[in-house]
PDB file of N, CA and C in Angstrom:
ATOM      1  N   MET A   1     149.620 126.482 223.589  1.00  0.00           N
ATOM      2  CA  MET A   1     150.896 127.134 224.818  1.00  0.00           C
ATOM      3  C   MET A   1     150.280 126.694 226.126  1.00  0.00           C
ATOM      4  N   LYS A   2     151.377 126.386 226.511  1.00  0.00           N
ATOM      5  CA  LYS A   2     151.154 126.079 228.363  1.00  0.00           C
ATOM      6  C   LYS A   2     151.578 126.949 228.560  1.00  0.00           C
ATOM      7  N   ILE A   3     150.570 127.392 229.260  1.00  0.00           N
ATOM      8  CA  ILE A   3     150.716 128.631 229.395  1.00  0.00           C
ATOM      9  C   ILE A   3     150.760 128.759 230.973  1.00  0.00           C
ATOM     10  N   LEU A   4     151.779 129.855 232.665  1.00  0.00           N
ATOM     11  CA  LEU A   4     151.834 129.692 233.545  1.00  0.00           C
ATOM     12  C   LEU A   4     150.981 131.163 234.266  1.00  0.00           C
ATOM     13  N   VAL A   5     150.491 131.235 234.761  1.00  0.00           N
ATOM     14  CA  VAL A   5     149.362 133.083 235.117  1.00  0.00           C
ATOM     15  C   VAL A   5     149.943 132.740 236.408  1.00  0.00           C
ATOM     16  N   ILE A   6     150.606 133.805 236.915  1.00  0.00           N
ATOM     17  CA  ILE A   6     151.206 134.133 238.743  1.00  0.00           C
ATOM     18  C   ILE A   6     150.350 135.739 238.573  1.00  0.00           C
ATOM     19  N   ASP A   7     150.326 135.499 239.306  1.00  0.00           N
ATOM     20  CA  ASP A   7     149.515 137.536 239.723  1.00  0.00           C
ATOM     21  C   ASP A   7     148.751 136.637 241.613  1.00  0.00           C
ATOM     22  N   ASP A   8     149.007 137.620 241.922  1.00  0.00           N
ATOM     23  CA  ASP A   8     148.191 137.794 244.146  1.00  0.00           C
ATOM     24  C   ASP A   8     147.180 138.682 243.311  1.00  0.00           C
ATOM     25  N   ASP A   9     147.034 138.961 242.318  1.00  0.00           N
ATOM     26  CA  ASP A   9     145.367 139.401 242.541  1.00  0.00           C
ATOM     27  C   ASP A   9     143.923 138.486 241.967  1.00  0.00           C
ATOM     28  N   THR A  10     143.128 138.050 242.522  1.00  0.00           N
ATOM     29  CA  THR A  10     141.982 136.648 242.464  1.00  0.00           C
ATOM     30  C   THR A  10     141.754 136.715 240.869  1.00  0.00           C
ATOM     31  N   MET A  11     140.752 138.590 241.244  1.00  0.00           N
ATOM     32  CA  MET A  11     140.415 138.816 239.425  1.00  0.00           C
ATOM     33  C   MET A  11     140.988 139.130 238.676  1.00  0.00           C
ATOM     34  N   CYS A  12     142.574 139.155 238.672  1.00  0.00           N
ATOM     35  CA  CYS A  12     142.794 139.862 237.521  1.00  0.00           C
ATOM     36  C   CYS A  12     143.495 138.501 236.533  1.00  0.00           C
ATOM     37  N   ARG A  13     144.113 137.401 237.336  1.00  0.00           N
ATOM     38  CA  ARG A  13     144.376 135.966 237.745  1.00  0.00           C
ATOM     39  C   ARG A  13     143.144 135.578 236.670  1.00  0.00           C
ATOM     40  N   ASN A  14     142.143 135.513 237.416  1.00  0.00           N
ATOM     41  CA  ASN A  14     141.171 135.283 237.219  1.00  0.00           C
ATOM     42  C   ASN A  14     140.815 135.314 235.562  1.00  0.00           C
ATOM     43  N   LEU A  15     140.497 136.712 235.576  1.00  0.00           N
ATOM     44  CA  LEU A  15     140.437 136.863 233.916  1.00  0.00           C
ATOM     45  C   LEU A  15     141.328 136.496 232.662  1.00  0.00           C
ATOM     46  N   LEU A  16     142.651 136.436 233.520  1.00  0.00           N
ATOM     47  CA  LEU A  16     143.865 136.055 232.600  1.00  0.00           C
ATOM     48  C   LEU A  16     143.830 134.786 231.911  1.00  0.00           C
ATOM     49  N   LYS A  17     143.432 134.006 233.396  1.00  0.00           N
ATOM     50  CA  LYS A  17     143.354 132.558 233.000  1.00  0.00           C
ATOM     51  C   LYS A  17     142.273 132.160 232.038  1.00  0.00           C
ATOM     52  N   HIS A  18     141.022 132.840 232.222  1.00  0.00           N
ATOM     53  CA  HIS A  18     139.530 132.613 231.657  1.00  0.00           C
ATOM     54  C   HIS A  18     139.929 133.592 229.811  1.00  0.00           C
ATOM     55  N   PHE A  19     140.895 134.034 229.700  1.00  0.00           N
ATOM     56  CA  PHE A  19     140.220 134.946 228.676  1.00  0.00           C
ATOM     57  C   PHE A  19     141.793 133.689 227.213  1.00  0.00           C
ATOM     58  N   LEU A  20     143.006 133.263 228.495  1.00  0.00           N
ATOM     59  CA  LEU A  20     143.822 132.370 227.790  1.00  0.00           C
ATOM     60  C   LEU A  20     143.317 130.807 227.790  1.00  0.00           C
ATOM     61  N   HIS A  21     142.562 130.694 228.396  1.00  0.00           N
ATOM     62  CA  HIS A  21     141.556 129.533 228.292  1.00  0.00           C
ATOM     63  C   HIS A  21     140.742 129.477 226.887  1.00  0.00           C
ATOM     64  N   HIS A  22     140.053 130.375 227.059  1.00  0.00           N
ATOM     65  CA  HIS A  22     138.909 130.585 225.721  1.00  0.00           C
ATOM     66  C   HIS A  22     139.494 130.819 224.757  1.00  0.00           C
ATOM     67  N   ALA A  23     140.894 131.415 224.811  1.00  0.00           N
ATOM     68  CA  ALA A  23     141.763 131.786 223.440  1.00  0.00           C
ATOM     69  C   ALA A  23     142.185 129.434 222.852  1.00  0.00           C
ATOM     70  N   GLY A  24     142.136 128.689 223.850  1.00  0.00           N
ATOM     71  CA  GLY A  24     142.993 127.447 223.295  1.00  0.00           C
ATOM     72  C   GLY A  24     143.761 127.126 224.491  1.00  0.00           C
ATOM     73  N   HIS A  25     144.178 127.968 224.483  1.00  0.00           N
ATOM     74  CA  HIS A  25     145.699 127.549 225.781  1.00  0.00           C
ATOM     75  C   HIS A  25     145.757 126.608 227.207  1.00  0.00           C
ATOM     76  N   ILE A  26     146.797 126.135 227.168  1.00  0.00           N
ATOM     77  CA  ILE A  26     146.957 125.003 228.586  1.00  0.00           C
ATOM     78  C   ILE A  26     146.673 126.295 229.459  1.00  0.00           C
ATOM     79  N   VAL A  27     146.350 126.260 230.693  1.00  0.00           N
ATOM     80  CA  VAL A  27     146.547 127.152 231.152  1.00  0.00           C
ATOM     81  C   VAL A  27     146.706 126.886 232.732  1.00  0.00           C
ATOM     82  N   GLU A  28     147.512 127.152 233.714  1.00  0.00           N
ATOM     83  CA  GLU A  28     147.963 126.554 235.159  1.00  0.00           C
ATOM     84  C   GLU A  28     147.738 127.963 235.458  1.00  0.00           C
ATOM     85  N   GLU A  29     147.578 128.205 237.229  1.00  0.00           N
ATOM     86  CA  GLU A  29     147.767 129.376 237.658  1.00  0.00           C
ATOM     87  C   GLU A  29     147.968 129.891 238.817  1.00  0.00           C
ATOM     88  N   ALA A  30     148.581 130.191 239.828  1.00  0.00           N
ATOM     89  CA  ALA A  30     149.849 130.279 241.085  1.00  0.00           C
ATOM     90  C   ALA A  30     149.384 132.075 241.147  1.00  0.00           C
ATOM     91  N   SER A  31     149.352 131.684 243.445  1.00  0.00           N
ATOM     92  CA  SER A  31     148.867 133.165 243.513  1.00  0.00           C
ATOM     93  C   SER A  31     149.910 133.944 243.900  1.00  0.00           C
ATOM     94  N   ASP A  32     151.326 133.221 243.594  1.00  0.00           N
ATOM     95  CA  ASP A  32     151.957 134.558 244.363  1.00  0.00           C
ATOM     96  C   ASP A  32     153.447 133.818 243.472  1.00  0.00           C
ATOM     97  N   GLY A  33     154.680 134.318 243.671  1.00  0.00           N
ATOM     98  CA  GLY A  33     156.035 134.123 243.029  1.00  0.00           C
ATOM     99  C   GLY A  33     155.811 132.677 243.369  1.00  0.00           C
ATOM    100  N   GLU A  34     155.873 132.790 244.759  1.00  0.00           N
ATOM    101  CA  GLU A  34     156.535 131.065 245.198  1.00  0.00           C
ATOM    102  C   GLU A  34     155.896 129.993 245.023  1.00  0.00           C
ATOM    103  N   CYS A  35     154.757 130.018 244.936  1.00  0.00           N
ATOM    104  CA  CYS A  35     153.859 129.490 244.059  1.00  0.00           C
ATOM    105  C   CYS A  35     153.950 129.041 243.207  1.00  0.00           C
ATOM    106  N   GLY A  36     154.622 130.232 242.038  1.00  0.00           N
ATOM    107  CA  GLY A  36     154.613 129.957 240.879  1.00  0.00           C
ATOM    108  C   GLY A  36     155.936 129.135 240.250  1.00  0.00           C
ATOM    109  N   TRP A  37     156.719 129.028 241.026  1.00  0.00           N
ATOM    110  CA  TRP A  37     157.813 128.922 241.653  1.00  0.00           C
ATOM    111  C   TRP A  37     158.012 127.119 241.242  1.00  0.00           C
ATOM    112  N   GLU A  38     156.996 126.892 242.483  1.00  0.00           N
ATOM    113  CA  GLU A  38     157.248 125.881 242.916  1.00  0.00           C
ATOM    114  C   GLU A  38     155.829 124.778 241.515  1.00  0.00           C
ATOM    115  N   GLN A  39     155.348 125.143 240.809  1.00  0.00           N
ATOM    116  CA  GLN A  39     154.481 124.902 239.534  1.00  0.00           C
ATOM    117  C   GLN A  39     155.203 124.900 237.821  1.00  0.00           C
ATOM    118  N   PHE A  40     155.888 126.038 238.182  1.00  0.00           N
ATOM    119  CA  PHE A  40     157.318 126.109 237.405  1.00  0.00           C
ATOM    120  C   PHE A  40     158.233 124.515 237.364  1.00  0.00           C
ATOM    121  N   VAL A  41     158.542 124.281 238.218  1.00  0.00           N
ATOM    122  CA  VAL A  41     159.764 123.478 238.793  1.00  0.00           C
ATOM    123  C   VAL A  41     159.515 121.538 238.155  1.00  0.00           C
ATOM    124  N   SER A  42     157.567 121.830 238.659  1.00  0.00           N
ATOM    125  CA  SER A  42     157.199 120.498 238.652  1.00  0.00           C
ATOM    126  C   SER A  42     156.117 120.458 237.233  1.00  0.00           C
ATOM    127  N   ALA A  43     156.525 121.057 236.514  1.00  0.00           N
ATOM    128  CA  ALA A  43     155.833 121.316 235.605  1.00  0.00           C
ATOM    129  C   ALA A  43     156.264 120.385 234.132  1.00  0.00           C
ATOM    130  N   ASN A  44     155.250 118.718 233.848  1.00  0.00           N
ATOM    131  CA  ASN A  44     155.897 118.014 232.994  1.00  0.00           C
ATOM    132  C   ASN A  44     154.840 118.112 231.938  1.00  0.00           C
ATOM    133  N   PRO A  45     154.848 118.490 230.452  1.00  0.00           N
ATOM    134  CA  PRO A  45     156.073 119.538 230.171  1.00  0.00           C
ATOM    135  C   PRO A  45     156.275 120.752 230.399  1.00  0.00           C
ATOM    136  N   ARG A  46     157.286 121.073 230.113  1.00  0.00           N
ATOM    137  CA  ARG A  46     157.569 122.131 230.682  1.00  0.00           C
ATOM    138  C   ARG A  46     156.516 123.483 230.400  1.00  0.00           C
ATOM    139  N   PHE A  47     156.312 125.087 230.270  1.00  0.00           N
ATOM    140  CA  PHE A  47     155.390 125.928 230.543  1.00  0.00           C
ATOM    141  C   PHE A  47     155.605 126.680 229.386  1.00  0.00           C
ATOM    142  N   ASP A  48     155.822 126.821 228.194  1.00  0.00           N
ATOM    143  CA  ASP A  48     155.870 128.024 226.947  1.00  0.00           C
ATOM    144  C   ASP A  48     155.999 129.205 227.264  1.00  0.00           C
ATOM    145  N   LEU A  49     155.644 129.158 228.312  1.00  0.00           N
ATOM    146  CA  LEU A  49     155.158 130.894 228.586  1.00  0.00           C
ATOM    147  C   LEU A  49     154.987 131.353 230.388  1.00  0.00           C
ATOM    148  N   VAL A  50     155.573 132.280 230.810  1.00  0.00           N
ATOM    149  CA  VAL A  50     155.085 132.405 232.154  1.00  0.00           C
ATOM    150  C   VAL A  50     154.886 133.948 231.961  1.00  0.00           C
ATOM    151  N   LEU A  51     153.445 134.040 232.513  1.00  0.00           N
ATOM    152  CA  LEU A  51     152.596 135.080 232.610  1.00  0.00           C
ATOM    153  C   LEU A  51     152.755 136.028 234.196  1.00  0.00           C
ATOM    154  N   SER A  52     153.470 136.524 234.517  1.00  0.00           N
ATOM    155  CA  SER A  52     153.870 137.034 236.162  1.00  0.00           C
ATOM    156  C   SER A  52     153.636 138.447 236.461  1.00  0.00           C
ATOM    157  N   ASP A  53     152.562 139.311 237.286  1.00  0.00           N
ATOM    158  CA  ASP A  53     152.394 139.713 238.553  1.00  0.00           C
ATOM    159  C   ASP A  53     154.612 140.077 238.542  1.00  0.00           C
ATOM    160  N   CYS A  54     154.650 141.391 238.639  1.00  0.00           N
ATOM    161  CA  CYS A  54     155.747 141.842 239.698  1.00  0.00           C
ATOM    162  C   CYS A  54     155.952 142.083 240.293  1.00  0.00           C
ATOM    163  N   ASP A  55     154.598 142.840 241.480  1.00  0.00           N
ATOM    164  CA  ASP A  55     154.627 143.062 242.668  1.00  0.00           C
ATOM    165  C   ASP A  55     153.414 141.825 242.848  1.00  0.00           C
ATOM    166  N   MET A  56     154.073 141.126 243.775  1.00  0.00           N
ATOM    167  CA  MET A  56     153.723 139.658 244.422  1.00  0.00           C
ATOM    168  C   MET A  56     153.927 139.701 246.236  1.00  0.00           C
ATOM    169  N   PRO A  57     153.596 139.000 246.791  1.00  0.00           N
ATOM    170  CA  PRO A  57     154.210 138.468 248.431  1.00  0.00           C
ATOM    171  C   PRO A  57     154.733 137.611 247.987  1.00  0.00           C
ATOM    172  N   ASN A  58     155.919 137.350 248.658  1.00  0.00           N
ATOM    173  CA  ASN A  58     156.732 135.407 248.650  1.00  0.00           C
ATOM    174  C   ASN A  58     157.926 135.939 248.191  1.00  0.00           C
ATOM    175  N   LEU A  59     157.785 135.870 246.562  1.00  0.00           N
ATOM    176  CA  LEU A  59     158.644 135.728 245.881  1.00  0.00           C
ATOM    177  C   LEU A  59     157.719 136.817 244.632  1.00  0.00           C
ATOM    178  N   SER A  60     159.221 138.268 244.591  1.00  0.00           N
ATOM    179  CA  SER A  60     158.663 139.180 243.074  1.00  0.00           C
ATOM    180  C   SER A  60     158.368 138.422 241.599  1.00  0.00           C
ATOM    181  N   GLY A  61     157.805 139.151 241.005  1.00  0.00           N
ATOM    182  CA  GLY A  61     158.154 138.524 239.765  1.00  0.00           C
ATOM    183  C   GLY A  61     159.432 138.735 238.664  1.00  0.00           C
ATOM    184  N   LEU A  62     160.235 139.665 239.471  1.00  0.00           N
ATOM    185  CA  LEU A  62     162.063 139.855 239.108  1.00  0.00           C
ATOM    186  C   LEU A  62     162.654 138.944 239.619  1.00  0.00           C
ATOM    187  N   GLN A  63     161.708 137.984 240.933  1.00  0.00           N
ATOM    188  CA  GLN A  63     163.142 137.210 242.120  1.00  0.00           C
ATOM    189  C   GLN A  63     162.891 135.898 241.628  1.00  0.00           C
ATOM    190  N   LEU A  64     161.270 135.240 240.752  1.00  0.00           N
ATOM    191  CA  LEU A  64     160.862 134.365 240.118  1.00  0.00           C
ATOM    192  C   LEU A  64     161.423 134.309 238.762  1.00  0.00           C
ATOM    193  N   ILE A  65     161.799 134.793 237.611  1.00  0.00           N
ATOM    194  CA  ILE A  65     161.953 135.135 236.452  1.00  0.00           C
ATOM    195  C   ILE A  65     164.542 134.915 236.885  1.00  0.00           C
ATOM    196  N   GLU A  66     164.153 135.469 237.847  1.00  0.00           N
ATOM    197  CA  GLU A  66     165.988 135.104 237.977  1.00  0.00           C
ATOM    198  C   GLU A  66     166.145 133.498 238.802  1.00  0.00           C
ATOM    199  N   ARG A  67     165.118 133.288 239.177  1.00  0.00           N
ATOM    200  CA  ARG A  67     164.975 131.332 239.263  1.00  0.00           C
ATOM    201  C   ARG A  67     164.829 130.941 237.938  1.00  0.00           C
ATOM    202  N   ILE A  68     164.126 131.099 237.429  1.00  0.00           N
ATOM    203  CA  ILE A  68     163.741 130.636 235.738  1.00  0.00           C
ATOM    204  C   ILE A  68     165.120 130.293 235.281  1.00  0.00           C
ATOM    205  N   ARG A  69     165.294 131.571 234.921  1.00  0.00           N
ATOM    206  CA  ARG A  69     166.715 131.553 234.391  1.00  0.00           C
ATOM    207  C   ARG A  69     167.688 130.841 234.770  1.00  0.00           C
ATOM    208  N   GLN A  70     167.921 130.296 236.027  1.00  0.00           N
ATOM    209  CA  GLN A  70     168.726 129.157 236.109  1.00  0.00           C
ATOM    210  C   GLN A  70     168.755 127.786 235.953  1.00  0.00           C
ATOM    211  N   ILE A  71     167.636 127.757 235.571  1.00  0.00           N
ATOM    212  CA  ILE A  71     167.180 126.516 235.341  1.00  0.00           C
ATOM    213  C   ILE A  71     166.366 126.713 233.611  1.00  0.00           C
ATOM    214  N   ASP A  72     165.799 127.348 233.443  1.00  0.00           N
ATOM    215  CA  ASP A  72     165.543 127.738 231.566  1.00  0.00           C
ATOM    216  C   ASP A  72     165.702 128.624 230.583  1.00  0.00           C
ATOM    217  N   SER A  73     166.557 128.659 230.180  1.00  0.00           N
ATOM    218  CA  SER A  73     167.070 129.905 229.464  1.00  0.00           C
ATOM    219  C   SER A  73     166.330 130.113 227.457  1.00  0.00           C
ATOM    220  N   LYS A  74     165.402 129.372 227.591  1.00  0.00           N
ATOM    221  CA  LYS A  74     164.125 129.521 226.291  1.00  0.00           C
ATOM    222  C   LYS A  74     162.726 129.892 226.730  1.00  0.00           C
ATOM    223  N   VAL A  75     161.802 129.769 227.527  1.00  0.00           N
ATOM    224  CA  VAL A  75     160.397 130.052 228.336  1.00  0.00           C
ATOM    225  C   VAL A  75     160.269 131.739 228.502  1.00  0.00           C
ATOM    226  N   GLN A  76     158.898 131.512 227.801  1.00  0.00           N
ATOM    227  CA  GLN A  76     159.266 133.312 227.312  1.00  0.00           C
ATOM    228  C   GLN A  76     158.669 133.547 228.686  1.00  0.00           C
ATOM    229  N   VAL A  77     158.452 134.822 228.702  1.00  0.00           N
ATOM    230  CA  VAL A  77     158.251 135.335 229.430  1.00  0.00           C
ATOM    231  C   VAL A  77     157.216 137.156 229.932  1.00  0.00           C
ATOM    232  N   ILE A  78     156.401 137.615 230.268  1.00  0.00           N
ATOM    233  CA  ILE A  78     156.050 138.541 229.848  1.00  0.00           C
ATOM    234  C   ILE A  78     155.436 138.978 231.442  1.00  0.00           C
ATOM    235  N   LEU A  79     155.899 140.210 231.627  1.00  0.00           N
ATOM    236  CA  LEU A  79     155.312 140.734 233.065  1.00  0.00           C
ATOM    237  C   LEU A  79     153.904 141.447 232.773  1.00  0.00           C
ATOM    238  N   VAL A  80     153.868 141.319 233.851  1.00  0.00           N
ATOM    239  CA  VAL A  80     152.359 142.509 234.452  1.00  0.00           C
ATOM    240  C   VAL A  80     152.156 143.279 235.171  1.00  0.00           C
ATOM    241  N   SER A  81     152.282 144.899 235.136  1.00  0.00           N
ATOM    242  CA  SER A  81     152.380 145.411 236.039  1.00  0.00           C
ATOM    243  C   SER A  81     151.547 146.584 236.260  1.00  0.00           C
ATOM    244  N   GLY A  82     151.242 146.903 237.409  1.00  0.00           N
ATOM    245  CA  GLY A  82     150.255 148.057 237.511  1.00  0.00           C
ATOM    246  C   GLY A  82     151.250 149.043 237.747  1.00  0.00           C
ATOM    247  N   ASN A  83     152.047 148.834 238.048  1.00  0.00           N
ATOM    248  CA  ASN A  83     153.388 150.144 238.482  1.00  0.00           C
ATOM    249  C   ASN A  83     154.339 150.491 237.376  1.00  0.00           C
ATOM    250  N   ASN A  84     154.522 151.634 236.599  1.00  0.00           N
ATOM    251  CA  ASN A  84     155.545 151.692 235.658  1.00  0.00           C
ATOM    252  C   ASN A  84     156.156 152.036 235.659  1.00  0.00           C
ATOM    253  N   ASP A  85     156.606 152.567 236.835  1.00  0.00           N
ATOM    254  CA  ASP A  85     157.459 152.968 237.784  1.00  0.00           C
ATOM    255  C   ASP A  85     158.532 151.640 239.084  1.00  0.00           C
ATOM    256  N   PHE A  86     157.850 150.691 238.669  1.00  0.00           N
ATOM    257  CA  PHE A  86     159.061 149.684 239.036  1.00  0.00           C
ATOM    258  C   PHE A  86     160.536 149.560 240.021  1.00  0.00           C
ATOM    259  N   PHE A  87     160.929 149.040 240.539  1.00  0.00           N
ATOM    260  CA  PHE A  87     162.574 148.598 240.778  1.00  0.00           C
ATOM    261  C   PHE A  87     163.028 147.538 239.754  1.00  0.00           C
ATOM    262  N   GLY A  88     163.554 147.604 239.225  1.00  0.00           N
ATOM    263  CA  GLY A  88     164.364 146.953 237.684  1.00  0.00           C
ATOM    264  C   GLY A  88     164.436 146.567 236.601  1.00  0.00           C
ATOM    265  N   GLN A  89     163.508 147.868 236.535  1.00  0.00           N
ATOM    266  CA  GLN A  89     162.761 147.144 234.750  1.00  0.00           C
ATOM    267  C   GLN A  89     164.418 147.444 234.231  1.00  0.00           C
ATOM    268  N   ASP A  90     165.828 147.724 234.261  1.00  0.00           N
ATOM    269  CA  ASP A  90     166.494 147.999 233.416  1.00  0.00           C
ATOM    270  C   ASP A  90     167.371 146.827 233.352  1.00  0.00           C
ATOM    271  N   LYS A  91     166.821 145.598 234.699  1.00  0.00           N
ATOM    272  CA  LYS A  91     167.350 144.221 234.442  1.00  0.00           C
ATOM    273  C   LYS A  91     166.139 143.380 233.576  1.00  0.00           C
ATOM    274  N   LEU A  92     165.516 143.799 232.898  1.00  0.00           N
ATOM    275  CA  LEU A  92     164.400 143.233 231.592  1.00  0.00           C
ATOM    276  C   LEU A  92     164.863 142.270 231.186  1.00  0.00           C
ATOM    277  N   PRO A  93     166.291 143.378 230.214  1.00  0.00           N
ATOM    278  CA  PRO A  93     166.896 142.284 229.352  1.00  0.00           C
ATOM    279  C   PRO A  93     167.292 141.269 229.575  1.00  0.00           C
ATOM    280  N   LYS A  94     167.998 141.420 230.533  1.00  0.00           N
ATOM    281  CA  LYS A  94     169.210 140.696 231.508  1.00  0.00           C
ATOM    282  C   LYS A  94     168.001 139.123 231.435  1.00  0.00           C
ATOM    283  N   PHE A  95     167.193 139.671 232.202  1.00  0.00           N
ATOM    284  CA  PHE A  95     166.426 138.673 232.481  1.00  0.00           C
ATOM    285  C   PHE A  95     165.694 137.905 231.241  1.00  0.00           C
ATOM    286  N   GLY A  96     165.948 137.875 230.047  1.00  0.00           N
ATOM    287  CA  GLY A  96     165.572 137.482 229.071  1.00  0.00           C
ATOM    288  C   GLY A  96     163.425 137.472 228.824  1.00  0.00           C
ATOM    289  N   VAL A  97     163.349 138.433 230.181  1.00  0.00           N
ATOM    290  CA  VAL A  97     161.242 139.593 229.714  1.00  0.00           C
ATOM    291  C   VAL A  97     161.123 139.804 228.193  1.00  0.00           C
ATOM    292  N   HIS A  98     160.515 139.437 227.385  1.00  0.00           N
ATOM    293  CA  HIS A  98     160.033 140.219 226.017  1.00  0.00           C
ATOM    294  C   HIS A  98     158.990 140.510 225.634  1.00  0.00           C
ATOM    295  N   THR A  99     158.679 140.698 227.581  1.00  0.00           N
ATOM    296  CA  THR A  99     157.452 141.953 227.129  1.00  0.00           C
ATOM    297  C   THR A  99     157.004 142.156 228.556  1.00  0.00           C
ATOM    298  N   VAL A 100     156.441 143.545 228.781  1.00  0.00           N
ATOM    299  CA  VAL A 100     156.041 144.548 230.161  1.00  0.00           C
ATOM    300  C   VAL A 100     154.714 144.612 229.706  1.00  0.00           C
ATOM    301  N   LEU A 101     153.156 144.416 229.977  1.00  0.00           N
ATOM    302  CA  LEU A 101     152.225 144.959 229.321  1.00  0.00           C
ATOM    303  C   LEU A 101     151.591 145.525 230.966  1.00  0.00           C
ATOM    304  N   TRP A 102     151.343 147.032 231.279  1.00  0.00           N
ATOM    305  CA  TRP A 102     150.715 147.963 232.046  1.00  0.00           C
ATOM    306  C   TRP A 102     149.446 147.963 232.149  1.00  0.00           C
ATOM    307  N   LYS A 103     148.743 147.396 232.961  1.00  0.00           N
ATOM    308  CA  LYS A 103     147.442 147.694 234.012  1.00  0.00           C
ATOM    309  C   LYS A 103     147.476 149.079 233.905  1.00  0.00           C
ATOM    310  N   PRO A 104     146.265 149.200 233.679  1.00  0.00           N
ATOM    311  CA  PRO A 104     145.355 148.514 232.903  1.00  0.00           C
ATOM    312  C   PRO A 104     145.013 148.349 231.457  1.00  0.00           C
ATOM    313  N   PHE A 105     145.630 147.038 231.412  1.00  0.00           N
ATOM    314  CA  PHE A 105     145.532 146.442 229.869  1.00  0.00           C
ATOM    315  C   PHE A 105     144.196 146.298 229.197  1.00  0.00           C
ATOM    316  N   PRO A 106     144.133 146.547 227.494  1.00  0.00           N
ATOM    317  CA  PRO A 106     143.492 146.452 226.779  1.00  0.00           C
ATOM    318  C   PRO A 106     143.503 144.210 226.514  1.00  0.00           C
ATOM    319  N   LEU A 107     142.379 144.002 226.337  1.00  0.00           N
ATOM    320  CA  LEU A 107     142.632 142.600 226.053  1.00  0.00           C
ATOM    321  C   LEU A 107     143.336 142.124 224.799  1.00  0.00           C
ATOM    322  N   GLU A 108     142.951 143.056 224.096  1.00  0.00           N
ATOM    323  CA  GLU A 108     143.948 143.585 223.015  1.00  0.00           C
ATOM    324  C   GLU A 108     144.919 143.301 222.876  1.00  0.00           C
ATOM    325  N   SER A 109     145.833 143.342 223.810  1.00  0.00           N
ATOM    326  CA  SER A 109     146.943 144.177 223.615  1.00  0.00           C
ATOM    327  C   SER A 109     147.185 142.729 224.021  1.00  0.00           C
ATOM    328  N   LEU A 110     146.654 141.918 225.383  1.00  0.00           N
ATOM    329  CA  LEU A 110     147.472 141.036 225.656  1.00  0.00           C
ATOM    330  C   LEU A 110     147.392 139.795 224.449  1.00  0.00           C
ATOM    331  N   LYS A 111     146.814 139.651 223.672  1.00  0.00           N
ATOM    332  CA  LYS A 111     145.848 138.928 222.247  1.00  0.00           C
ATOM    333  C   LYS A 111     147.229 138.803 221.713  1.00  0.00           C
ATOM    334  N   GLU A 112     147.507 141.001 221.161  1.00  0.00           N
ATOM    335  CA  GLU A 112     148.430 140.505 220.280  1.00  0.00           C
ATOM    336  C   GLU A 112     150.503 140.126 220.942  1.00  0.00           C
ATOM    337  N   VAL A 113     150.347 140.131 222.080  1.00  0.00           N
ATOM    338  CA  VAL A 113     150.952 139.078 222.810  1.00  0.00           C
ATOM    339  C   VAL A 113     151.459 138.427 222.432  1.00  0.00           C
ATOM    340  N   ILE A 114     150.315 137.346 223.262  1.00  0.00           N
ATOM    341  CA  ILE A 114     150.054 136.283 223.087  1.00  0.00           C
ATOM    342  C   ILE A 114     150.351 135.785 221.738  1.00  0.00           C
ATOM    343  N   GLN A 115     149.937 136.038 220.367  1.00  0.00           N
ATOM    344  CA  GLN A 115     150.290 136.034 219.195  1.00  0.00           C
ATOM    345  C   GLN A 115     151.797 136.808 219.285  1.00  0.00           C
ATOM    346  N   LYS A 116     152.596 137.312 219.300  1.00  0.00           N
ATOM    347  CA  LYS A 116     153.920 136.812 219.315  1.00  0.00           C
ATOM    348  C   LYS A 116     154.854 135.793 220.086  1.00  0.00           C
ATOM    349  N   ALA A 117     153.741 135.396 220.919  1.00  0.00           N
ATOM    350  CA  ALA A 117     154.501 134.527 221.779  1.00  0.00           C
ATOM    351  C   ALA A 117     154.331 133.327 221.350  1.00  0.00           C
ATOM    352  N   GLU A 118     153.706 132.938 220.202  1.00  0.00           N
ATOM    353  CA  GLU A 118     153.192 131.592 219.418  1.00  0.00           C
ATOM    354  C   GLU A 118     154.785 131.933 218.473  1.00  0.00           C
ATOM    355  N   HIS A 119     153.516 132.890 217.574  1.00  0.00           N
ATOM    356  CA  HIS A 119     155.245 133.294 217.160  1.00  0.00           C
ATOM    357  C   HIS A 119     156.616 132.523 217.085  1.00  0.00           C
ATOM    358  N   ASN A 120     157.290 133.200 218.120  1.00  0.00           N
ATOM    359  CA  ASN A 120     158.153 132.204 218.566  1.00  0.00           C
ATOM    360  C   ASN A 120     158.725 131.553 218.959  1.00  0.00           C
ATOM    361  N   GLN A 121     157.564 131.192 219.700  1.00  0.00           N
ATOM    362  CA  GLN A 121     157.169 129.467 220.162  1.00  0.00           C
ATOM    363  C   GLN A 121     157.435 128.266 218.776  1.00  0.00           C
ATOM    364  N   GLU A 122     156.785 128.930 217.902  1.00  0.00           N
ATOM    365  CA  GLU A 122     157.133 128.433 216.437  1.00  0.00           C
ATOM    366  C   GLU A 122     158.035 128.551 215.739  1.00  0.00           C
ATOM    367  N   THR A 123     158.730 129.538 215.511  1.00  0.00           N
ATOM    368  CA  THR A 123     160.419 129.636 215.540  1.00  0.00           C
ATOM    369  C   THR A 123     161.157 128.755 216.130  1.00  0.00           C
ATOM    370  N   LEU A 124     161.377 128.805 217.226  1.00  0.00           N
ATOM    371  CA  LEU A 124     162.361 128.080 218.060  1.00  0.00           C
ATOM    372  C   LEU A 124     162.542 126.731 217.753  1.00  0.00           C
ATOM    373  N   SER A 125     160.829 125.779 217.971  1.00  0.00           N
ATOM    374  CA  SER A 125     161.054 124.765 217.464  1.00  0.00           C
ATOM    375  C   SER A 125     161.281 123.903 215.696  1.00  0.00           C
ATOM    376  N   GLY A 126     161.128 124.856 214.521  1.00  0.00           N
ATOM    377  CA  GLY A 126     161.187 125.353 213.664  1.00  0.00           C
ATOM    378  C   GLY A 126     162.917 124.856 213.285  1.00  0.00           C
ATOM    379  N   SER A 127     163.557 125.558 213.950  1.00  0.00           N
ATOM    380  CA  SER A 127     164.966 125.560 214.299  1.00  0.00           C
ATOM    381  C   SER A 127     165.794 124.451 214.691  1.00  0.00           C
ATOM    382  N   LEU A 128     164.057 123.406 215.965  1.00  0.00           N
ATOM    383  CA  LEU A 128     165.059 122.978 216.622  1.00  0.00           C
ATOM    384  C   LEU A 128     164.891 121.580 215.904  1.00  0.00           C
ATOM    385  N   GLN A 129     164.654 121.482 214.881  1.00  0.00           N
ATOM    386  CA  GLN A 129     164.265 120.517 214.270  1.00  0.00           C
ATOM    387  C   GLN A 129     165.781 119.641 212.954  1.00  0.00           C
TER     388      GLN A 129
END
């Protein structure tokens, strides 16, 4: 899968990138929501999955997803948050957020979520053929 990782925490972003790359995924990264948006719209081919922090400078995770949904209703989205009380949690289904991982989370949880996303991607690809 082609995955865009967006997190303003450099250590977290690098850990996610390394883990996903080691698992065989194509991974690109962005340090905030605005940079993530720029990478998303310029990507060719498009990303299969966006893994984004919620609370970031310049553009929050929810603001980013709202923009993404205006041009792509199919890309899978996983949010990551260290604040399980973040505002906007009630909007997640509206924006098609598949999963929220609460920091800190074990890498095994990320692995399970990614495997589920891969399965969803395969199911979608099969139905389009």
